[in-house]
Amino acid sequence: MPERLGLNHLLGRLPHDVSRKLLAGERTLKLREGETLFERGDAGDGCYWLRRGVLAVYVVSATGDQRILAILGPNAIVGELAMIDGMPRSASIRALRACELNFISRAAFTDLLRRHPELYGDIVKTLAGRLRQTDEDMAASSFQSVRARVARALLQFARHLGEQEGPERVLIRHSITQSDLAAMAGVARESVSRTLREWQRQKILQGSSRTGYVVNMPSLVGVATE
């Protein structure tokens, strides 16, 4: 339902009846696990509302190496800024779990603004709020330890892809590379390697990227707030 969208999204800032009409009037798309939603450089022809499933935001290097930048779960909005600037996609998106999405075209959104120019005020507030939040996040992260940054990255996997193993333990079957964690945390891969070894000794983390990680969630959350 559109009412579940947060106010940090453009669609969430629109009046309830308007966002409902936009979402109801556009097509539904289903992705199988491993399928690509779009690739970096593709035309920015609209955005997607993730109703079910898990998506990975990633980039590909000139040599073909992939790096995950973020993981998105239900109710995330993907490619939203393309509805405003129409620029090509800045990253690629693929399904880590089977997904169901609603597509909202840029054409429909532009037509809505022509008919309701008063909505521009809501959009400006959303973009200003997002820019302010980005500045605050950057300032906060500059004071965070490497351990905290890596913990926050690993928590994305645990929360979106984890399976409950007990009251405090979560199993992540998905293969997680140190390079992905480094890209998500904004730290060197060597720092991730040292951090993971330390967590193994402390029993915060067990297993490996091949067999799957078992995470002690209270401990990992505690590290993330350091």
C-alpha atoms as a PDB file:
ATOM      1  CA  MET A   1       0.000   0.000   0.000  1.00  0.00           C
ATOM      2  CA  PRO A   2       1.266   3.516  -0.821  1.00  0.00           C
ATOM      3  CA  GLU A   3       0.609   4.683   2.749  1.00  0.00           C
ATOM      4  CA  ARG A   4       3.501   2.522   3.880  1.00  0.00           C
ATOM      5  CA  LEU A   5       6.019   4.623   1.939  1.00  0.00           C
ATOM      6  CA  GLY A   6       8.214   6.827   4.123  1.00  0.00           C
ATOM      7  CA  LEU A   7       8.252  10.598   3.830  1.00  0.00           C
ATOM      8  CA  ASN A   8      11.881  10.467   2.701  1.00  0.00           C
ATOM      9  CA  HIS A   9      10.605   9.209  -0.669  1.00  0.00           C
ATOM     10  CA  LEU A  10       9.135  11.504  -3.295  1.00  0.00           C
ATOM     11  CA  LEU A  11       6.063   9.299  -3.564  1.00  0.00           C
ATOM     12  CA  GLY A  12       5.674   9.327   0.197  1.00  0.00           C
ATOM     13  CA  ARG A  13       5.549  13.127   0.146  1.00  0.00           C
ATOM     14  CA  LEU A  14       2.680  13.201  -2.315  1.00  0.00           C
ATOM     15  CA  PRO A  15      -0.911  13.355  -1.105  1.00  0.00           C
ATOM     16  CA  HIS A  16      -2.221   9.890  -0.318  1.00  0.00           C
ATOM     17  CA  ASP A  17      -4.782   9.781  -3.126  1.00  0.00           C
ATOM     18  CA  VAL A  18      -2.195  10.953  -5.672  1.00  0.00           C
ATOM     19  CA  SER A  19       0.443   8.359  -4.751  1.00  0.00           C
ATOM     20  CA  ARG A  20      -2.215   5.646  -4.718  1.00  0.00           C
ATOM     21  CA  LYS A  21      -3.312   6.529  -8.254  1.00  0.00           C
ATOM     22  CA  LEU A  22       0.268   6.592  -9.509  1.00  0.00           C
ATOM     23  CA  LEU A  23       1.051   3.175  -8.072  1.00  0.00           C
ATOM     24  CA  ALA A  24      -2.252   1.622  -9.110  1.00  0.00           C
ATOM     25  CA  GLY A  25      -2.004   2.901 -12.659  1.00  0.00           C
ATOM     26  CA  GLU A  26       1.397   1.468 -13.505  1.00  0.00           C
ATOM     27  CA  ARG A  27       2.546  -2.029 -14.318  1.00  0.00           C
ATOM     28  CA  THR A  28       3.720  -4.744 -11.949  1.00  0.00           C
ATOM     29  CA  LEU A  29       7.047  -6.438 -12.609  1.00  0.00           C
ATOM     30  CA  LYS A  30       8.353  -9.727 -11.214  1.00  0.00           C
ATOM     31  CA  LEU A  31      12.015 -10.734 -11.038  1.00  0.00           C
ATOM     32  CA  ARG A  32      13.468 -14.138 -10.350  1.00  0.00           C
ATOM     33  CA  GLU A  33      16.465 -14.446  -8.065  1.00  0.00           C
ATOM     34  CA  GLY A  34      19.561 -13.319  -9.959  1.00  0.00           C
ATOM     35  CA  GLU A  35      17.675 -11.326 -12.608  1.00  0.00           C
ATOM     36  CA  THR A  36      18.732  -7.752 -13.379  1.00  0.00           C
ATOM     37  CA  LEU A  37      16.277  -4.887 -12.978  1.00  0.00           C
ATOM     38  CA  PHE A  38      18.462  -2.375 -14.830  1.00  0.00           C
ATOM     39  CA  GLU A  39      22.143  -1.664 -15.422  1.00  0.00           C
ATOM     40  CA  ARG A  40      24.275   1.402 -14.967  1.00  0.00           C
ATOM     41  CA  GLY A  41      23.888   3.676 -17.988  1.00  0.00           C
ATOM     42  CA  ASP A  42      20.346   2.522 -18.822  1.00  0.00           C
ATOM     43  CA  ALA A  43      17.764   5.213 -19.513  1.00  0.00           C
ATOM     44  CA  GLY A  44      16.197   6.723 -16.406  1.00  0.00           C
ATOM     45  CA  ASP A  45      12.603   6.299 -17.513  1.00  0.00           C
ATOM     46  CA  GLY A  46      10.988   5.991 -14.087  1.00  0.00           C
ATOM     47  CA  CYS A  47      11.260   4.394 -10.668  1.00  0.00           C
ATOM     48  CA  TYR A  48      10.247   1.159  -8.953  1.00  0.00           C
ATOM     49  CA  TRP A  49       8.521   0.457  -5.662  1.00  0.00           C
ATOM     50  CA  LEU A  50       9.762  -2.829  -4.206  1.00  0.00           C
ATOM     51  CA  ARG A  51       6.728  -4.591  -2.777  1.00  0.00           C
ATOM     52  CA  ARG A  52       8.353  -7.960  -2.064  1.00  0.00           C
ATOM     53  CA  GLY A  53      11.869  -9.388  -2.177  1.00  0.00           C
ATOM     54  CA  VAL A  54      15.450  -8.148  -1.825  1.00  0.00           C
ATOM     55  CA  LEU A  55      17.552  -6.140  -4.291  1.00  0.00           C
ATOM     56  CA  ALA A  56      21.278  -5.419  -4.504  1.00  0.00           C
ATOM     57  CA  VAL A  57      22.624  -2.078  -5.717  1.00  0.00           C
ATOM     58  CA  TYR A  58      26.001  -2.672  -7.324  1.00  0.00           C
ATOM     59  CA  VAL A  59      28.619  -1.296  -9.693  1.00  0.00           C
ATOM     60  CA  VAL A  60      30.916  -3.075 -12.141  1.00  0.00           C
ATOM     61  CA  SER A  61      34.567  -2.118 -12.672  1.00  0.00           C
ATOM     62  CA  ALA A  62      36.293  -1.876 -16.038  1.00  0.00           C
ATOM     63  CA  THR A  63      37.684  -5.364 -15.420  1.00  0.00           C
ATOM     64  CA  GLY A  64      34.243  -6.816 -14.735  1.00  0.00           C
ATOM     65  CA  ASP A  65      34.464  -7.019 -10.924  1.00  0.00           C
ATOM     66  CA  GLN A  66      31.185  -6.356  -9.116  1.00  0.00           C
ATOM     67  CA  ARG A  67      30.832  -4.486  -5.826  1.00  0.00           C
ATOM     68  CA  ILE A  68      27.594  -4.319  -3.837  1.00  0.00           C
ATOM     69  CA  LEU A  69      26.892  -0.802  -2.541  1.00  0.00           C
ATOM     70  CA  ALA A  70      23.625  -1.410  -0.706  1.00  0.00           C
ATOM     71  CA  ILE A  71      20.863  -3.937  -0.112  1.00  0.00           C
ATOM     72  CA  LEU A  72      17.213  -2.923  -0.358  1.00  0.00           C
ATOM     73  CA  GLY A  73      14.182  -4.605   1.185  1.00  0.00           C
ATOM     74  CA  PRO A  74      10.392  -4.257   0.849  1.00  0.00           C
ATOM     75  CA  ASN A  75       8.972  -0.715   0.468  1.00  0.00           C
ATOM     76  CA  ALA A  76      12.223   0.669  -0.922  1.00  0.00           C
ATOM     77  CA  ILE A  77      12.006   3.020  -3.893  1.00  0.00           C
ATOM     78  CA  VAL A  78      14.554   2.349  -6.645  1.00  0.00           C
ATOM     79  CA  GLY A  79      15.688   4.906  -9.221  1.00  0.00           C
ATOM     80  CA  GLU A  80      13.448   7.635  -7.881  1.00  0.00           C
ATOM     81  CA  LEU A  81      15.552  10.639  -8.911  1.00  0.00           C
ATOM     82  CA  ALA A  82      15.288   9.575 -12.553  1.00  0.00           C
ATOM     83  CA  MET A  83      11.705  10.840 -12.471  1.00  0.00           C
ATOM     84  CA  ILE A  84      13.066  14.349 -11.959  1.00  0.00           C
ATOM     85  CA  ASP A  85      16.256  14.570 -14.008  1.00  0.00           C
ATOM     86  CA  GLY A  86      15.798  11.739 -16.530  1.00  0.00           C
ATOM     87  CA  MET A  87      19.525  10.975 -16.314  1.00  0.00           C
ATOM     88  CA  PRO A  88      20.914   7.479 -16.986  1.00  0.00           C
ATOM     89  CA  ARG A  89      21.052   4.983 -14.123  1.00  0.00           C
ATOM     90  CA  SER A  90      24.063   5.549 -11.878  1.00  0.00           C
ATOM     91  CA  ALA A  91      24.233   1.942 -10.619  1.00  0.00           C
ATOM     92  CA  SER A  92      22.954  -1.520 -11.495  1.00  0.00           C
ATOM     93  CA  ILE A  93      20.236  -3.437  -9.653  1.00  0.00           C
ATOM     94  CA  ARG A  94      19.672  -7.184  -9.435  1.00  0.00           C
ATOM     95  CA  ALA A  95      17.391  -9.430  -7.407  1.00  0.00           C
ATOM     96  CA  LEU A  96      18.931 -11.323  -4.488  1.00  0.00           C
ATOM     97  CA  ARG A  97      15.535 -12.882  -3.788  1.00  0.00           C
ATOM     98  CA  ALA A  98      12.448 -13.184  -5.984  1.00  0.00           C
ATOM     99  CA  CYS A  99      10.918  -9.702  -6.238  1.00  0.00           C
ATOM    100  CA  GLU A 100       7.655  -8.008  -7.095  1.00  0.00           C
ATOM    101  CA  LEU A 101       7.779  -4.328  -8.012  1.00  0.00           C
ATOM    102  CA  ASN A 102       5.524  -1.560  -9.239  1.00  0.00           C
ATOM    103  CA  PHE A 103       6.907   0.662 -12.004  1.00  0.00           C
ATOM    104  CA  ILE A 104       6.034   4.377 -12.084  1.00  0.00           C
ATOM    105  CA  SER A 105       7.034   5.988 -15.363  1.00  0.00           C
ATOM    106  CA  ARG A 106       8.639   9.401 -15.616  1.00  0.00           C
ATOM    107  CA  ALA A 107       6.003  10.327 -18.200  1.00  0.00           C
ATOM    108  CA  ALA A 108       3.168   9.655 -15.745  1.00  0.00           C
ATOM    109  CA  PHE A 109       4.954  11.569 -12.986  1.00  0.00           C
ATOM    110  CA  THR A 110       5.647  14.550 -15.283  1.00  0.00           C
ATOM    111  CA  ASP A 111       2.014  14.603 -16.392  1.00  0.00           C
ATOM    112  CA  LEU A 112       0.948  14.606 -12.739  1.00  0.00           C
ATOM    113  CA  LEU A 113       3.107  17.658 -12.029  1.00  0.00           C
ATOM    114  CA  ARG A 114       1.658  19.505 -15.016  1.00  0.00           C
ATOM    115  CA  ARG A 115      -1.802  18.958 -13.618  1.00  0.00           C
ATOM    116  CA  HIS A 116      -0.803  19.653  -9.999  1.00  0.00           C
ATOM    117  CA  PRO A 117       2.063  22.215  -9.966  1.00  0.00           C
ATOM    118  CA  GLU A 118       1.501  22.753  -6.239  1.00  0.00           C
ATOM    119  CA  LEU A 119       3.260  19.410  -5.676  1.00  0.00           C
ATOM    120  CA  TYR A 120       6.619  20.971  -6.568  1.00  0.00           C
ATOM    121  CA  GLY A 121       6.806  22.345  -3.032  1.00  0.00           C
ATOM    122  CA  ASP A 122       6.606  18.848  -1.567  1.00  0.00           C
ATOM    123  CA  ILE A 123       9.316  17.627  -3.927  1.00  0.00           C
ATOM    124  CA  VAL A 124      11.669  20.479  -3.012  1.00  0.00           C
ATOM    125  CA  LYS A 125      11.181  19.699   0.697  1.00  0.00           C
ATOM    126  CA  THR A 126      11.947  16.038   0.078  1.00  0.00           C
ATOM    127  CA  LEU A 127      15.133  16.749  -1.861  1.00  0.00           C
ATOM    128  CA  ALA A 128      16.296  19.318   0.682  1.00  0.00           C
ATOM    129  CA  GLY A 129      15.650  16.878   3.517  1.00  0.00           C
ATOM    130  CA  ARG A 130      17.531  14.128   1.715  1.00  0.00           C
ATOM    131  CA  LEU A 131      20.524  16.426   1.113  1.00  0.00           C
ATOM    132  CA  ARG A 132      20.551  17.470   4.760  1.00  0.00           C
ATOM    133  CA  GLN A 133      20.373  13.819   5.860  1.00  0.00           C
ATOM    134  CA  THR A 134      23.250  12.932   3.537  1.00  0.00           C
ATOM    135  CA  ASP A 135      25.377  15.684   5.070  1.00  0.00           C
ATOM    136  CA  GLU A 136      24.530  14.489   8.578  1.00  0.00           C
ATOM    137  CA  ASP A 137      25.294  10.869   7.687  1.00  0.00           C
ATOM    138  CA  MET A 138      28.659  11.831   6.191  1.00  0.00           C
ATOM    139  CA  ALA A 139      29.555  13.845   9.275  1.00  0.00           C
ATOM    140  CA  ALA A 140      28.509  11.010  11.592  1.00  0.00           C
ATOM    141  CA  SER A 141      30.380   8.347   9.609  1.00  0.00           C
ATOM    142  CA  SER A 142      33.597  10.361   9.774  1.00  0.00           C
ATOM    143  CA  PHE A 143      33.621   9.731  13.538  1.00  0.00           C
ATOM    144  CA  GLN A 144      32.687   6.048  13.310  1.00  0.00           C
ATOM    145  CA  SER A 145      35.251   3.333  13.787  1.00  0.00           C
ATOM    146  CA  VAL A 146      36.053   0.828  11.043  1.00  0.00           C
ATOM    147  CA  ARG A 147      34.377  -1.844  13.187  1.00  0.00           C
ATOM    148  CA  ALA A 148      31.155   0.172  13.318  1.00  0.00           C
ATOM    149  CA  ARG A 149      31.119   0.785   9.560  1.00  0.00           C
ATOM    150  CA  VAL A 150      31.678  -2.891   8.763  1.00  0.00           C
ATOM    151  CA  ALA A 151      29.022  -3.877  11.295  1.00  0.00           C
ATOM    152  CA  ARG A 152      26.473  -1.589   9.668  1.00  0.00           C
ATOM    153  CA  ALA A 153      27.249  -3.126   6.267  1.00  0.00           C
ATOM    154  CA  LEU A 154      26.953  -6.687   7.570  1.00  0.00           C
ATOM    155  CA  LEU A 155      23.670  -5.805   9.278  1.00  0.00           C
ATOM    156  CA  GLN A 156      22.181  -5.012   5.859  1.00  0.00           C
ATOM    157  CA  PHE A 157      22.799  -8.625   4.845  1.00  0.00           C
ATOM    158  CA  ALA A 158      21.557  -9.988   8.160  1.00  0.00           C
ATOM    159  CA  ARG A 159      18.327  -8.007   8.186  1.00  0.00           C
ATOM    160  CA  HIS A 160      17.360  -8.597   4.572  1.00  0.00           C
ATOM    161  CA  LEU A 161      18.800 -12.062   3.900  1.00  0.00           C
ATOM    162  CA  GLY A 162      19.222 -13.636   7.333  1.00  0.00           C
ATOM    163  CA  GLU A 163      17.370 -16.631   8.754  1.00  0.00           C
ATOM    164  CA  GLN A 164      16.661 -16.807  12.480  1.00  0.00           C
ATOM    165  CA  GLU A 165      18.779 -19.518  14.114  1.00  0.00           C
ATOM    166  CA  GLY A 166      17.806 -18.765  17.689  1.00  0.00           C
ATOM    167  CA  PRO A 167      16.820 -15.855  19.919  1.00  0.00           C
ATOM    168  CA  GLU A 168      20.060 -13.983  19.151  1.00  0.00           C
ATOM    169  CA  ARG A 169      21.612 -15.718  16.142  1.00  0.00           C
ATOM    170  CA  VAL A 170      20.958 -15.149  12.439  1.00  0.00           C
ATOM    171  CA  LEU A 171      22.284 -17.298   9.585  1.00  0.00           C
ATOM    172  CA  ILE A 172      23.261 -15.528   6.347  1.00  0.00           C
ATOM    173  CA  ARG A 173      23.467 -18.111   3.564  1.00  0.00           C
ATOM    174  CA  HIS A 174      24.200 -15.539   0.872  1.00  0.00           C
ATOM    175  CA  SER A 175      27.847 -15.343  -0.178  1.00  0.00           C
ATOM    176  CA  ILE A 176      29.384 -12.155   1.213  1.00  0.00           C
ATOM    177  CA  THR A 177      32.742 -11.033  -0.096  1.00  0.00           C
ATOM    178  CA  GLN A 178      35.121  -8.856   1.857  1.00  0.00           C
ATOM    179  CA  SER A 179      35.242  -6.533  -1.154  1.00  0.00           C
ATOM    180  CA  ASP A 180      31.461  -6.032  -0.966  1.00  0.00           C
ATOM    181  CA  LEU A 181      31.624  -5.223   2.739  1.00  0.00           C
ATOM    182  CA  ALA A 182      34.511  -2.851   2.088  1.00  0.00           C
ATOM    183  CA  ALA A 183      32.581  -1.016  -0.640  1.00  0.00           C
ATOM    184  CA  MET A 184      29.463  -0.756   1.506  1.00  0.00           C
ATOM    185  CA  ALA A 185      31.412   0.399   4.564  1.00  0.00           C
ATOM    186  CA  GLY A 186      33.752   2.739   2.707  1.00  0.00           C
ATOM    187  CA  VAL A 187      36.888   1.128   4.142  1.00  0.00           C
ATOM    188  CA  ALA A 188      39.824  -0.889   2.807  1.00  0.00           C
ATOM    189  CA  ARG A 189      39.343  -4.620   2.201  1.00  0.00           C
ATOM    190  CA  GLU A 190      42.286  -5.355   4.496  1.00  0.00           C
ATOM    191  CA  SER A 191      40.451  -3.565   7.311  1.00  0.00           C
ATOM    192  CA  VAL A 192      37.403  -5.758   6.713  1.00  0.00           C
ATOM    193  CA  SER A 193      39.572  -8.884   6.846  1.00  0.00           C
ATOM    194  CA  ARG A 194      41.073  -7.885  10.197  1.00  0.00           C
ATOM    195  CA  THR A 195      37.665  -6.963  11.591  1.00  0.00           C
ATOM    196  CA  LEU A 196      36.075 -10.275  10.591  1.00  0.00           C
ATOM    197  CA  ARG A 197      38.940 -12.245  12.144  1.00  0.00           C
ATOM    198  CA  GLU A 198      38.504 -10.288  15.371  1.00  0.00           C
ATOM    199  CA  TRP A 199      34.771 -11.003  15.403  1.00  0.00           C
ATOM    200  CA  GLN A 200      35.430 -14.689  14.831  1.00  0.00           C
ATOM    201  CA  ARG A 201      37.612 -14.737  17.959  1.00  0.00           C
ATOM    202  CA  GLN A 202      34.959 -12.855  19.925  1.00  0.00           C
ATOM    203  CA  LYS A 203      32.164 -15.200  18.704  1.00  0.00           C
ATOM    204  CA  ILE A 204      30.288 -12.275  17.198  1.00  0.00           C
ATOM    205  CA  LEU A 205      30.632 -14.055  13.858  1.00  0.00           C
ATOM    206  CA  GLN A 206      31.005 -17.724  12.935  1.00  0.00           C
ATOM    207  CA  GLY A 207      31.351 -19.554   9.631  1.00  0.00           C
ATOM    208  CA  SER A 208      32.696 -18.229   6.344  1.00  0.00           C
ATOM    209  CA  SER A 209      31.554 -16.614   3.106  1.00  0.00           C
ATOM    210  CA  ARG A 210      31.459 -20.089   1.505  1.00  0.00           C
ATOM    211  CA  THR A 211      29.431 -21.895   4.194  1.00  0.00           C
ATOM    212  CA  GLY A 212      27.451 -18.909   5.409  1.00  0.00           C
ATOM    213  CA  TYR A 213      27.911 -16.605   8.375  1.00  0.00           C
ATOM    214  CA  VAL A 214      26.135 -16.982  11.713  1.00  0.00           C
ATOM    215  CA  VAL A 215      25.846 -13.590  13.393  1.00  0.00           C
ATOM    216  CA  ASN A 216      25.226 -12.750  17.033  1.00  0.00           C
ATOM    217  CA  MET A 217      22.792  -9.922  16.372  1.00  0.00           C
ATOM    218  CA  PRO A 218      22.835  -8.104  19.749  1.00  0.00           C
ATOM    219  CA  SER A 219      26.632  -8.037  19.678  1.00  0.00           C
ATOM    220  CA  LEU A 220      26.762  -6.841  16.058  1.00  0.00           C
ATOM    221  CA  VAL A 221      24.173  -4.130  16.700  1.00  0.00           C
ATOM    222  CA  GLY A 222      26.249  -3.014  19.672  1.00  0.00           C
ATOM    223  CA  VAL A 223      29.366  -2.711  17.522  1.00  0.00           C
ATOM    224  CA  ALA A 224      27.404  -0.761  14.875  1.00  0.00           C
ATOM    225  CA  THR A 225      26.569   1.929  17.414  1.00  0.00           C
ATOM    226  CA  GLU A 226      30.157   2.432  18.614  1.00  0.00           C
END
